[in-house]
Amino acid sequence: MRVAVLAGGRSSEHDISLASAAAVRSGLEAAGHEALDVRLARDGGWSHDGPVAVEPGGGLLGADVVFPVLHGPFGEDGTVQGLLEVADVPYVGAGVLASALCMDKVTFKDLMGHAGVPQVDYAGLREGDDRSELERLGLPVFVKPSRLGSSVGISKVESAGDLDAALADAFRHDPLVIVEAMSDGLEVECSIIGNETPEASEPGQIVVDADWYDYEAKYEPGGMELVVPAPIDPEVRERVRELATEVFTRVGCAGLARVDFFVEDGDVVLVNELNTMPGFTETSVFPKLWEASGVPFPELIDRLVALALERHEAERRYRF
């Protein structure tokens, strides 16, 4: 297949996207595909040895499928997915609705709460909102922009006097902020691939040599250790896998995702969030969990391309 790999983008996760896309291109080539390096600049311009055109019926640079390795807003949030849908181009990953929904942490958690999915307590907040609701969360709490990833703009607040500064920092990135109660449970993650019948990887525990899983811990070599399988009872690991596939299906995801959990008191499994385009860098958890589950990187990338084509063909059966 000829695969156009979209990299960069307008979000603050631009550099992480470039690193992820480089790994994806290598995986595609190892699997026998032709990888096209398409760059999305910080100012919104697209390039691939010249201007790039997305044409209905004509695809993107004549590619068979697009792999949008974009993290954060303007790429992982349904915007690029919408463009590719309009152009009738097959692409890897979740569609418009699931991408937008999972990018917004508050909306995602609201939906999970409505469905009765167990999760950490939280509150969504806009500037000017009454902050009295935060009192029930206690301290410490984590303050996050609702629609960013890679731990950008996140603060751990341990004293009430630091809350205003943390909120101001988060509001610099997003008009909607989420404040989450702290969990003292194990951080466990599970990777998913598939469309209508998703498969879950072996869950792994995130162990960091830091106060919390911040940007440096995620992306600096040696910043975190991934323990696979996670050191929890087998039935609890299976519960993690079941919840991961349930959440994936409930929000209408496709192709791939990484679902993050806390496991408290040995057997209480709480969903934290779902990432529709997880990282593919050398430190990223998504491919590591599949490697540990018996799926080598080139095979994983090859399966994601096949899933994109399968989903596109299935969608075209309907007369929208």
C-alpha atoms as a PDB file:
ATOM      1  CA  MET A   1       0.000   0.000   0.000  1.00  0.00           C
ATOM      2  CA  ARG A   2       0.966   3.625  -0.515  1.00  0.00           C
ATOM      3  CA  VAL A   3       0.428   5.237   2.896  1.00  0.00           C
ATOM      4  CA  ALA A   4       0.474   8.993   3.513  1.00  0.00           C
ATOM      5  CA  VAL A   5       1.747   9.582   7.069  1.00  0.00           C
ATOM      6  CA  LEU A   6       0.584  12.934   8.461  1.00  0.00           C
ATOM      7  CA  ALA A   7       2.999  14.430  10.988  1.00  0.00           C
ATOM      8  CA  GLY A   8       3.384  17.627  13.014  1.00  0.00           C
ATOM      9  CA  GLY A   9       0.259  19.730  13.272  1.00  0.00           C
ATOM     10  CA  ARG A  10      -0.741  22.936  15.033  1.00  0.00           C
ATOM     11  CA  SER A  11      -0.962  21.607  18.588  1.00  0.00           C
ATOM     12  CA  SER A  12       1.640  21.805  21.345  1.00  0.00           C
ATOM     13  CA  GLU A  13       2.302  18.103  20.703  1.00  0.00           C
ATOM     14  CA  HIS A  14       3.845  18.908  17.293  1.00  0.00           C
ATOM     15  CA  ASP A  15       7.290  17.522  18.104  1.00  0.00           C
ATOM     16  CA  ILE A  16       5.910  14.316  19.639  1.00  0.00           C
ATOM     17  CA  SER A  17       3.892  13.790  16.473  1.00  0.00           C
ATOM     18  CA  LEU A  18       7.039  14.088  14.344  1.00  0.00           C
ATOM     19  CA  ALA A  19       8.778  11.439  16.454  1.00  0.00           C
ATOM     20  CA  SER A  20       5.750   9.121  16.362  1.00  0.00           C
ATOM     21  CA  ALA A  21       5.396   9.524  12.597  1.00  0.00           C
ATOM     22  CA  ALA A  22       9.056   8.677  11.996  1.00  0.00           C
ATOM     23  CA  ALA A  23       8.547   5.382  13.829  1.00  0.00           C
ATOM     24  CA  VAL A  24       5.340   4.676  11.893  1.00  0.00           C
ATOM     25  CA  ARG A  25       7.084   5.283   8.556  1.00  0.00           C
ATOM     26  CA  SER A  26       9.821   2.832   9.540  1.00  0.00           C
ATOM     27  CA  GLY A  27       7.211   0.260  10.551  1.00  0.00           C
ATOM     28  CA  LEU A  28       5.332   0.699   7.279  1.00  0.00           C
ATOM     29  CA  GLU A  29       8.481   0.194   5.228  1.00  0.00           C
ATOM     30  CA  ALA A  30       9.441  -2.867   7.283  1.00  0.00           C
ATOM     31  CA  ALA A  31       5.988  -4.285   6.520  1.00  0.00           C
ATOM     32  CA  GLY A  32       6.470  -3.738   2.782  1.00  0.00           C
ATOM     33  CA  HIS A  33       4.460  -0.530   2.314  1.00  0.00           C
ATOM     34  CA  GLU A  34       5.490   2.765   0.744  1.00  0.00           C
ATOM     35  CA  ALA A  35       5.410   5.574   3.311  1.00  0.00           C
ATOM     36  CA  LEU A  36       4.865   9.194   2.250  1.00  0.00           C
ATOM     37  CA  ASP A  37       6.073  11.849   4.696  1.00  0.00           C
ATOM     38  CA  VAL A  38       3.409  14.589   4.793  1.00  0.00           C
ATOM     39  CA  ARG A  39       4.182  17.459   7.175  1.00  0.00           C
ATOM     40  CA  LEU A  40       1.605  19.741   8.781  1.00  0.00           C
ATOM     41  CA  ALA A  41       3.339  22.928   9.863  1.00  0.00           C
ATOM     42  CA  ARG A  42       2.591  24.849  13.028  1.00  0.00           C
ATOM     43  CA  ASP A  43       0.953  27.566  10.891  1.00  0.00           C
ATOM     44  CA  GLY A  44      -1.415  25.039   9.299  1.00  0.00           C
ATOM     45  CA  GLY A  45       0.374  24.551   5.975  1.00  0.00           C
ATOM     46  CA  TRP A  46       0.769  21.058   4.474  1.00  0.00           C
ATOM     47  CA  SER A  47       3.827  19.935   2.485  1.00  0.00           C
ATOM     48  CA  HIS A  48       5.355  16.917   0.814  1.00  0.00           C
ATOM     49  CA  ASP A  49       8.155  18.058  -1.481  1.00  0.00           C
ATOM     50  CA  GLY A  50       5.728  20.776  -2.498  1.00  0.00           C
ATOM     51  CA  PRO A  51       2.053  21.688  -1.920  1.00  0.00           C
ATOM     52  CA  VAL A  52      -0.393  18.995  -0.882  1.00  0.00           C
ATOM     53  CA  ALA A  53      -3.931  18.642  -2.231  1.00  0.00           C
ATOM     54  CA  VAL A  54      -6.736  16.562  -0.738  1.00  0.00           C
ATOM     55  CA  GLU A  55      -9.241  15.855  -3.495  1.00  0.00           C
ATOM     56  CA  PRO A  56     -12.571  13.988  -3.287  1.00  0.00           C
ATOM     57  CA  GLY A  57     -12.111  10.649  -5.001  1.00  0.00           C
ATOM     58  CA  GLY A  58      -8.462  11.441  -5.721  1.00  0.00           C
ATOM     59  CA  GLY A  59      -7.120  10.720  -2.277  1.00  0.00           C
ATOM     60  CA  LEU A  60      -4.069  12.376  -0.781  1.00  0.00           C
ATOM     61  CA  LEU A  61      -1.045  12.328  -3.095  1.00  0.00           C
ATOM     62  CA  GLY A  62      -2.536   9.236  -4.691  1.00  0.00           C
ATOM     63  CA  ALA A  63      -2.196   7.313  -1.428  1.00  0.00           C
ATOM     64  CA  ASP A  64      -4.268   4.191  -0.761  1.00  0.00           C
ATOM     65  CA  VAL A  65      -4.710   5.129   2.892  1.00  0.00           C
ATOM     66  CA  VAL A  66      -3.764   7.922   5.304  1.00  0.00           C
ATOM     67  CA  PHE A  67      -2.144   7.397   8.715  1.00  0.00           C
ATOM     68  CA  PRO A  68      -2.798  10.644  10.660  1.00  0.00           C
ATOM     69  CA  VAL A  69      -0.116  10.407  13.355  1.00  0.00           C
ATOM     70  CA  LEU A  70      -1.273  13.679  14.904  1.00  0.00           C
ATOM     71  CA  HIS A  71      -1.620  14.285  18.619  1.00  0.00           C
ATOM     72  CA  GLY A  72      -3.871  16.849  20.265  1.00  0.00           C
ATOM     73  CA  PRO A  73      -6.088  19.558  18.750  1.00  0.00           C
ATOM     74  CA  PHE A  74      -6.224  20.105  14.968  1.00  0.00           C
ATOM     75  CA  GLY A  75      -5.394  16.482  14.266  1.00  0.00           C
ATOM     76  CA  GLU A  76      -6.593  14.024  16.897  1.00  0.00           C
ATOM     77  CA  ASP A  77      -9.845  15.828  17.673  1.00  0.00           C
ATOM     78  CA  GLY A  78     -11.929  14.999  14.603  1.00  0.00           C
ATOM     79  CA  THR A  79     -10.849  17.970  12.472  1.00  0.00           C
ATOM     80  CA  VAL A  80      -8.461  16.131  10.138  1.00  0.00           C
ATOM     81  CA  GLN A  81     -10.720  13.070  10.282  1.00  0.00           C
ATOM     82  CA  GLY A  82     -13.563  15.250   8.987  1.00  0.00           C
ATOM     83  CA  LEU A  83     -11.419  16.499   6.112  1.00  0.00           C
ATOM     84  CA  LEU A  84     -10.525  12.934   5.135  1.00  0.00           C
ATOM     85  CA  GLU A  85     -14.170  11.851   5.375  1.00  0.00           C
ATOM     86  CA  VAL A  86     -15.244  14.668   3.043  1.00  0.00           C
ATOM     87  CA  ALA A  87     -12.528  13.603   0.582  1.00  0.00           C
ATOM     88  CA  ASP A  88     -13.590   9.921   0.908  1.00  0.00           C
ATOM     89  CA  VAL A  89     -10.051   8.854   1.888  1.00  0.00           C
ATOM     90  CA  PRO A  90      -9.462   5.742   4.046  1.00  0.00           C
ATOM     91  CA  TYR A  91      -7.557   6.588   7.230  1.00  0.00           C
ATOM     92  CA  VAL A  92      -6.213   4.868  10.320  1.00  0.00           C
ATOM     93  CA  GLY A  93      -7.981   5.415  13.619  1.00  0.00           C
ATOM     94  CA  ALA A  94     -11.218   6.703  15.072  1.00  0.00           C
ATOM     95  CA  GLY A  95     -13.797   8.683  13.113  1.00  0.00           C
ATOM     96  CA  VAL A  96     -14.968  12.251  13.650  1.00  0.00           C
ATOM     97  CA  LEU A  97     -17.313  11.739  16.607  1.00  0.00           C
ATOM     98  CA  ALA A  98     -15.125   9.357  18.622  1.00  0.00           C
ATOM     99  CA  SER A  99     -12.029  11.478  17.994  1.00  0.00           C
ATOM    100  CA  ALA A 100     -13.737  14.671  19.175  1.00  0.00           C
ATOM    101  CA  LEU A 101     -15.404  12.997  22.136  1.00  0.00           C
ATOM    102  CA  CYS A 102     -12.261  11.326  23.478  1.00  0.00           C
ATOM    103  CA  MET A 103     -10.126  14.427  22.949  1.00  0.00           C
ATOM    104  CA  ASP A 104     -12.369  16.316  25.369  1.00  0.00           C
ATOM    105  CA  LYS A 105     -11.671  14.827  28.804  1.00  0.00           C
ATOM    106  CA  VAL A 106     -14.725  16.418  30.445  1.00  0.00           C
ATOM    107  CA  THR A 107     -17.162  15.185  27.785  1.00  0.00           C
ATOM    108  CA  PHE A 108     -15.582  11.736  27.793  1.00  0.00           C
ATOM    109  CA  LYS A 109     -15.886  11.456  31.561  1.00  0.00           C
ATOM    110  CA  ASP A 110     -19.443  12.778  31.511  1.00  0.00           C
ATOM    111  CA  LEU A 111     -20.376  10.026  29.055  1.00  0.00           C
ATOM    112  CA  MET A 112     -18.591   7.360  31.090  1.00  0.00           C
ATOM    113  CA  GLY A 113     -20.354   8.557  34.226  1.00  0.00           C
ATOM    114  CA  HIS A 114     -23.735   8.388  32.503  1.00  0.00           C
ATOM    115  CA  ALA A 115     -22.951   4.790  31.485  1.00  0.00           C
ATOM    116  CA  GLY A 116     -21.914   3.845  35.031  1.00  0.00           C
ATOM    117  CA  VAL A 117     -18.268   3.223  34.144  1.00  0.00           C
ATOM    118  CA  PRO A 118     -16.125   3.471  37.316  1.00  0.00           C
ATOM    119  CA  GLN A 119     -13.735   6.424  37.282  1.00  0.00           C
ATOM    120  CA  VAL A 120     -11.919   8.959  39.456  1.00  0.00           C
ATOM    121  CA  ASP A 121     -14.037  11.889  40.688  1.00  0.00           C
ATOM    122  CA  TYR A 122     -13.626  15.105  38.676  1.00  0.00           C
ATOM    123  CA  ALA A 123     -15.111  18.502  37.858  1.00  0.00           C
ATOM    124  CA  GLY A 124     -15.160  20.492  34.613  1.00  0.00           C
ATOM    125  CA  LEU A 125     -14.575  24.228  34.881  1.00  0.00           C
ATOM    126  CA  ARG A 126     -14.624  27.304  32.664  1.00  0.00           C
ATOM    127  CA  GLU A 127     -13.212  30.703  33.577  1.00  0.00           C
ATOM    128  CA  GLY A 128     -15.725  32.550  35.723  1.00  0.00           C
ATOM    129  CA  ASP A 129     -17.464  29.368  36.927  1.00  0.00           C
ATOM    130  CA  ASP A 130     -18.237  28.863  40.602  1.00  0.00           C
ATOM    131  CA  ARG A 131     -15.294  26.906  42.051  1.00  0.00           C
ATOM    132  CA  SER A 132     -17.037  25.692  45.214  1.00  0.00           C
ATOM    133  CA  GLU A 133     -17.643  22.328  43.517  1.00  0.00           C
ATOM    134  CA  LEU A 134     -13.906  21.635  43.728  1.00  0.00           C
ATOM    135  CA  GLU A 135     -14.056  21.335  47.516  1.00  0.00           C
ATOM    136  CA  ARG A 136     -15.519  17.839  47.353  1.00  0.00           C
ATOM    137  CA  LEU A 137     -12.437  16.607  45.454  1.00  0.00           C
ATOM    138  CA  GLY A 138     -10.123  17.336  48.373  1.00  0.00           C
ATOM    139  CA  LEU A 139      -6.350  17.606  47.883  1.00  0.00           C
ATOM    140  CA  PRO A 140      -4.178  16.825  46.086  1.00  0.00           C
ATOM    141  CA  VAL A 141      -5.824  17.243  42.695  1.00  0.00           C
ATOM    142  CA  PHE A 142      -4.615  17.343  39.113  1.00  0.00           C
ATOM    143  CA  VAL A 143      -5.561  20.343  36.979  1.00  0.00           C
ATOM    144  CA  LYS A 144      -5.539  19.737  33.207  1.00  0.00           C
ATOM    145  CA  PRO A 145      -6.609  21.397  29.971  1.00  0.00           C
ATOM    146  CA  SER A 146      -9.602  19.378  28.806  1.00  0.00           C
ATOM    147  CA  ARG A 147      -8.346  18.891  25.239  1.00  0.00           C
ATOM    148  CA  LEU A 148      -4.594  18.358  25.358  1.00  0.00           C
ATOM    149  CA  GLY A 149      -2.400  15.299  25.879  1.00  0.00           C
ATOM    150  CA  SER A 150       1.215  14.421  26.651  1.00  0.00           C
ATOM    151  CA  SER A 151       0.815  16.022  30.109  1.00  0.00           C
ATOM    152  CA  VAL A 152       0.999  19.511  28.558  1.00  0.00           C
ATOM    153  CA  GLY A 153      -0.394  22.214  30.864  1.00  0.00           C
ATOM    154  CA  ILE A 154      -1.002  19.809  33.749  1.00  0.00           C
ATOM    155  CA  SER A 155      -0.289  20.689  37.375  1.00  0.00           C
ATOM    156  CA  LYS A 156      -0.438  18.683  40.567  1.00  0.00           C
ATOM    157  CA  VAL A 157      -1.948  20.847  43.305  1.00  0.00           C
ATOM    158  CA  GLU A 158      -1.201  19.886  46.894  1.00  0.00           C
ATOM    159  CA  SER A 159      -2.247  23.067  48.699  1.00  0.00           C
ATOM    160  CA  ALA A 160      -5.268  25.319  48.207  1.00  0.00           C
ATOM    161  CA  GLY A 161      -3.021  28.332  47.718  1.00  0.00           C
ATOM    162  CA  ASP A 162      -1.588  26.848  44.523  1.00  0.00           C
ATOM    163  CA  LEU A 163      -4.937  26.131  42.864  1.00  0.00           C
ATOM    164  CA  ASP A 164      -5.471  29.515  41.202  1.00  0.00           C
ATOM    165  CA  ALA A 165      -2.040  29.442  39.530  1.00  0.00           C
ATOM    166  CA  ALA A 166      -2.624  25.888  38.266  1.00  0.00           C
ATOM    167  CA  LEU A 167      -6.011  26.839  36.838  1.00  0.00           C
ATOM    168  CA  ALA A 168      -4.535  29.930  35.161  1.00  0.00           C
ATOM    169  CA  ASP A 169      -1.847  27.777  33.549  1.00  0.00           C
ATOM    170  CA  ALA A 170      -4.393  25.257  32.271  1.00  0.00           C
ATOM    171  CA  PHE A 171      -6.670  28.040  30.966  1.00  0.00           C
ATOM    172  CA  ARG A 172      -3.782  29.308  28.831  1.00  0.00           C
ATOM    173  CA  HIS A 173      -4.200  26.134  26.776  1.00  0.00           C
ATOM    174  CA  ASP A 174      -7.958  25.560  26.826  1.00  0.00           C
ATOM    175  CA  PRO A 175     -11.143  27.424  27.835  1.00  0.00           C
ATOM    176  CA  LEU A 176     -12.338  24.207  29.494  1.00  0.00           C
ATOM    177  CA  VAL A 177     -10.334  22.673  32.343  1.00  0.00           C
ATOM    178  CA  ILE A 178     -10.752  19.425  34.223  1.00  0.00           C
ATOM    179  CA  VAL A 179      -9.842  19.009  37.884  1.00  0.00           C
ATOM    180  CA  GLU A 180      -9.401  15.401  38.988  1.00  0.00           C
ATOM    181  CA  ALA A 181      -9.161  13.881  42.434  1.00  0.00           C
ATOM    182  CA  MET A 182      -5.857  12.108  42.952  1.00  0.00           C
ATOM    183  CA  SER A 183      -5.818   8.328  42.914  1.00  0.00           C
ATOM    184  CA  ASP A 184      -3.152   6.483  44.871  1.00  0.00           C
ATOM    185  CA  GLY A 185      -3.700   3.352  42.783  1.00  0.00           C
ATOM    186  CA  LEU A 186      -1.357   1.734  40.287  1.00  0.00           C
ATOM    187  CA  GLU A 187      -1.255   3.386  36.862  1.00  0.00           C
ATOM    188  CA  VAL A 188      -2.168   0.663  34.376  1.00  0.00           C
ATOM    189  CA  GLU A 189      -2.587   0.986  30.604  1.00  0.00           C
ATOM    190  CA  CYS A 190      -4.069  -1.301  27.983  1.00  0.00           C
ATOM    191  CA  SER A 191      -3.796  -1.054  24.189  1.00  0.00           C
ATOM    192  CA  ILE A 192      -6.658  -1.840  21.805  1.00  0.00           C
ATOM    193  CA  ILE A 193      -6.775  -2.650  18.086  1.00  0.00           C
ATOM    194  CA  GLY A 194      -9.785  -3.562  15.972  1.00  0.00           C
ATOM    195  CA  ASN A 195     -13.049  -2.241  14.632  1.00  0.00           C
ATOM    196  CA  GLU A 196     -16.311  -4.018  15.529  1.00  0.00           C
ATOM    197  CA  THR A 197     -14.465  -6.779  17.440  1.00  0.00           C
ATOM    198  CA  PRO A 198     -11.604  -5.030  19.268  1.00  0.00           C
ATOM    199  CA  GLU A 199      -8.723  -6.940  20.848  1.00  0.00           C
ATOM    200  CA  ALA A 200      -7.003  -5.904  24.073  1.00  0.00           C
ATOM    201  CA  SER A 201      -3.299  -6.244  24.788  1.00  0.00           C
ATOM    202  CA  GLU A 202      -1.766  -7.490  27.994  1.00  0.00           C
ATOM    203  CA  PRO A 203      -2.097  -4.595  30.492  1.00  0.00           C
ATOM    204  CA  GLY A 204       1.073  -2.978  31.799  1.00  0.00           C
ATOM    205  CA  GLN A 205       1.915  -0.848  34.822  1.00  0.00           C
ATOM    206  CA  ILE A 206       3.550   2.569  34.465  1.00  0.00           C
ATOM    207  CA  VAL A 207       6.329   3.059  37.027  1.00  0.00           C
ATOM    208  CA  VAL A 208       7.901   6.524  37.046  1.00  0.00           C
ATOM    209  CA  ASP A 209      10.904   7.899  38.866  1.00  0.00           C
ATOM    210  CA  ALA A 210       9.059  11.142  39.534  1.00  0.00           C
ATOM    211  CA  ASP A 211       6.222  12.551  41.600  1.00  0.00           C
ATOM    212  CA  TRP A 212       3.799  11.887  38.730  1.00  0.00           C
ATOM    213  CA  TYR A 213       3.695  10.842  35.067  1.00  0.00           C
ATOM    214  CA  ASP A 214       4.682  14.201  33.547  1.00  0.00           C
ATOM    215  CA  TYR A 215       5.991  15.147  30.089  1.00  0.00           C
ATOM    216  CA  GLU A 216       9.610  14.274  30.890  1.00  0.00           C
ATOM    217  CA  ALA A 217       8.665  10.904  32.370  1.00  0.00           C
ATOM    218  CA  LYS A 218       6.671  10.083  29.238  1.00  0.00           C
ATOM    219  CA  TYR A 219       9.243  11.032  26.635  1.00  0.00           C
ATOM    220  CA  GLU A 220      12.722  11.096  28.142  1.00  0.00           C
ATOM    221  CA  PRO A 221      14.548   7.745  27.831  1.00  0.00           C
ATOM    222  CA  GLY A 222      14.541   6.116  31.257  1.00  0.00           C
ATOM    223  CA  GLY A 223      11.793   8.421  32.515  1.00  0.00           C
ATOM    224  CA  MET A 224       9.418   5.548  33.110  1.00  0.00           C
ATOM    225  CA  GLU A 225       9.423   1.771  33.289  1.00  0.00           C
ATOM    226  CA  LEU A 226       6.664  -0.336  31.775  1.00  0.00           C
ATOM    227  CA  VAL A 227       6.004  -3.536  33.707  1.00  0.00           C
ATOM    228  CA  VAL A 228       4.211  -6.171  31.612  1.00  0.00           C
ATOM    229  CA  PRO A 229       2.123  -7.915  32.710  1.00  0.00           C
ATOM    230  CA  ALA A 230       0.922  -5.445  35.322  1.00  0.00           C
ATOM    231  CA  PRO A 231       1.546  -6.794  38.852  1.00  0.00           C
ATOM    232  CA  ILE A 232      -2.135  -7.317  39.658  1.00  0.00           C
ATOM    233  CA  ASP A 233      -4.170 -10.503  40.040  1.00  0.00           C
ATOM    234  CA  PRO A 234      -5.057 -12.291  36.783  1.00  0.00           C
ATOM    235  CA  GLU A 235      -8.774 -11.650  37.239  1.00  0.00           C
ATOM    236  CA  VAL A 236      -8.070  -7.924  37.737  1.00  0.00           C
ATOM    237  CA  ARG A 237      -5.947  -7.832  34.574  1.00  0.00           C
ATOM    238  CA  GLU A 238      -8.856  -9.424  32.744  1.00  0.00           C
ATOM    239  CA  ARG A 239     -11.200  -6.796  34.204  1.00  0.00           C
ATOM    240  CA  VAL A 240      -8.868  -4.094  32.800  1.00  0.00           C
ATOM    241  CA  ARG A 241      -9.010  -5.726  29.364  1.00  0.00           C
ATOM    242  CA  GLU A 242     -12.805  -6.046  29.514  1.00  0.00           C
ATOM    243  CA  LEU A 243     -13.262  -2.403  30.533  1.00  0.00           C
ATOM    244  CA  ALA A 244     -10.817  -1.254  27.840  1.00  0.00           C
ATOM    245  CA  THR A 245     -12.787  -2.976  25.093  1.00  0.00           C
ATOM    246  CA  GLU A 246     -16.114  -1.818  26.577  1.00  0.00           C
ATOM    247  CA  VAL A 247     -15.018   1.829  26.635  1.00  0.00           C
ATOM    248  CA  PHE A 248     -13.530   1.552  23.121  1.00  0.00           C
ATOM    249  CA  THR A 249     -16.821   0.205  21.794  1.00  0.00           C
ATOM    250  CA  ARG A 250     -19.031   2.564  23.801  1.00  0.00           C
ATOM    251  CA  VAL A 251     -17.448   5.698  22.342  1.00  0.00           C
ATOM    252  CA  GLY A 252     -17.398   4.257  18.820  1.00  0.00           C
ATOM    253  CA  CYS A 253     -13.642   4.027  18.358  1.00  0.00           C
ATOM    254  CA  ALA A 254     -11.994   2.273  15.438  1.00  0.00           C
ATOM    255  CA  GLY A 255      -8.539   1.010  14.573  1.00  0.00           C
ATOM    256  CA  LEU A 256      -6.601   1.671  17.744  1.00  0.00           C
ATOM    257  CA  ALA A 257      -6.620   3.264  21.167  1.00  0.00           C
ATOM    258  CA  ARG A 258      -4.857   3.202  24.501  1.00  0.00           C
ATOM    259  CA  VAL A 259      -7.018   3.167  27.621  1.00  0.00           C
ATOM    260  CA  ASP A 260      -5.538   4.377  30.916  1.00  0.00           C
ATOM    261  CA  PHE A 261      -6.618   3.122  34.344  1.00  0.00           C
ATOM    262  CA  PHE A 262      -5.961   3.323  38.048  1.00  0.00           C
ATOM    263  CA  VAL A 263      -6.159   0.112  40.059  1.00  0.00           C
ATOM    264  CA  GLU A 264      -6.838   0.849  43.723  1.00  0.00           C
ATOM    265  CA  ASP A 265      -6.711  -1.520  46.688  1.00  0.00           C
ATOM    266  CA  GLY A 266      -5.610  -4.368  44.440  1.00  0.00           C
ATOM    267  CA  ASP A 267      -8.924  -4.908  42.659  1.00  0.00           C
ATOM    268  CA  VAL A 268     -10.797  -1.617  42.133  1.00  0.00           C
ATOM    269  CA  VAL A 269     -10.393  -0.702  38.434  1.00  0.00           C
ATOM    270  CA  LEU A 270     -11.076   2.929  37.478  1.00  0.00           C
ATOM    271  CA  VAL A 271     -11.016   4.281  33.919  1.00  0.00           C
ATOM    272  CA  ASN A 272      -8.983   7.462  33.534  1.00  0.00           C
ATOM    273  CA  GLU A 273      -9.030   8.326  29.823  1.00  0.00           C
ATOM    274  CA  LEU A 274      -8.869   6.984  26.269  1.00  0.00           C
ATOM    275  CA  ASN A 275      -6.334   8.141  23.688  1.00  0.00           C
ATOM    276  CA  THR A 276      -7.454   7.630  20.078  1.00  0.00           C
ATOM    277  CA  MET A 277      -3.992   8.191  18.532  1.00  0.00           C
ATOM    278  CA  PRO A 278      -1.443   7.107  21.150  1.00  0.00           C
ATOM    279  CA  GLY A 279       2.248   7.759  20.688  1.00  0.00           C
ATOM    280  CA  PHE A 280       4.553   5.606  18.597  1.00  0.00           C
ATOM    281  CA  THR A 281       7.883   6.974  19.877  1.00  0.00           C
ATOM    282  CA  GLU A 282      10.615   4.755  21.317  1.00  0.00           C
ATOM    283  CA  THR A 283       9.212   5.317  24.813  1.00  0.00           C
ATOM    284  CA  SER A 284       5.513   4.976  23.894  1.00  0.00           C
ATOM    285  CA  VAL A 285       3.370   2.435  25.713  1.00  0.00           C
ATOM    286  CA  PHE A 286       0.939   1.490  22.906  1.00  0.00           C
ATOM    287  CA  PRO A 287       3.418  -0.437  20.713  1.00  0.00           C
ATOM    288  CA  LYS A 288       5.331  -1.779  23.723  1.00  0.00           C
ATOM    289  CA  LEU A 289       2.205  -3.443  25.093  1.00  0.00           C
ATOM    290  CA  TRP A 290       1.513  -5.111  21.752  1.00  0.00           C
ATOM    291  CA  GLU A 291       5.147  -6.212  21.460  1.00  0.00           C
ATOM    292  CA  ALA A 292       4.807  -7.834  24.890  1.00  0.00           C
ATOM    293  CA  SER A 293       1.533  -9.413  23.715  1.00  0.00           C
ATOM    294  CA  GLY A 294       3.213 -11.091  20.751  1.00  0.00           C
ATOM    295  CA  VAL A 295       2.576  -8.541  17.982  1.00  0.00           C
ATOM    296  CA  PRO A 296       5.844  -7.062  16.620  1.00  0.00           C
ATOM    297  CA  PHE A 297       5.857  -3.442  15.474  1.00  0.00           C
ATOM    298  CA  PRO A 298       5.756  -3.952  11.663  1.00  0.00           C
ATOM    299  CA  GLU A 299       2.865  -6.418  12.028  1.00  0.00           C
ATOM    300  CA  LEU A 300       1.033  -3.965  14.292  1.00  0.00           C
ATOM    301  CA  ILE A 301       1.365  -1.146  11.753  1.00  0.00           C
ATOM    302  CA  ASP A 302       0.315  -3.470   8.927  1.00  0.00           C
ATOM    303  CA  ARG A 303      -2.821  -4.507  10.841  1.00  0.00           C
ATOM    304  CA  LEU A 304      -3.742  -0.868  11.468  1.00  0.00           C
ATOM    305  CA  VAL A 305      -3.573  -0.144   7.733  1.00  0.00           C
ATOM    306  CA  ALA A 306      -5.770  -3.175   7.026  1.00  0.00           C
ATOM    307  CA  LEU A 307      -8.277  -2.053   9.665  1.00  0.00           C
ATOM    308  CA  ALA A 308      -8.458   1.410   8.075  1.00  0.00           C
ATOM    309  CA  LEU A 309      -9.328  -0.074   4.696  1.00  0.00           C
ATOM    310  CA  GLU A 310     -11.827  -2.478   6.287  1.00  0.00           C
ATOM    311  CA  ARG A 311     -13.623   0.361   8.080  1.00  0.00           C
ATOM    312  CA  HIS A 312     -13.691   2.545   4.973  1.00  0.00           C
ATOM    313  CA  GLU A 313     -15.215  -0.252   2.914  1.00  0.00           C
ATOM    314  CA  ALA A 314     -17.807  -0.963   5.608  1.00  0.00           C
ATOM    315  CA  GLU A 315     -18.801   2.722   5.850  1.00  0.00           C
ATOM    316  CA  ARG A 316     -19.322   2.945   2.083  1.00  0.00           C
ATOM    317  CA  ARG A 317     -22.047   0.295   2.259  1.00  0.00           C
ATOM    318  CA  TYR A 318     -24.374   2.843   3.867  1.00  0.00           C
ATOM    319  CA  ARG A 319     -26.261   5.520   1.961  1.00  0.00           C
ATOM    320  CA  PHE A 320     -25.755   8.512   4.267  1.00  0.00           C
END
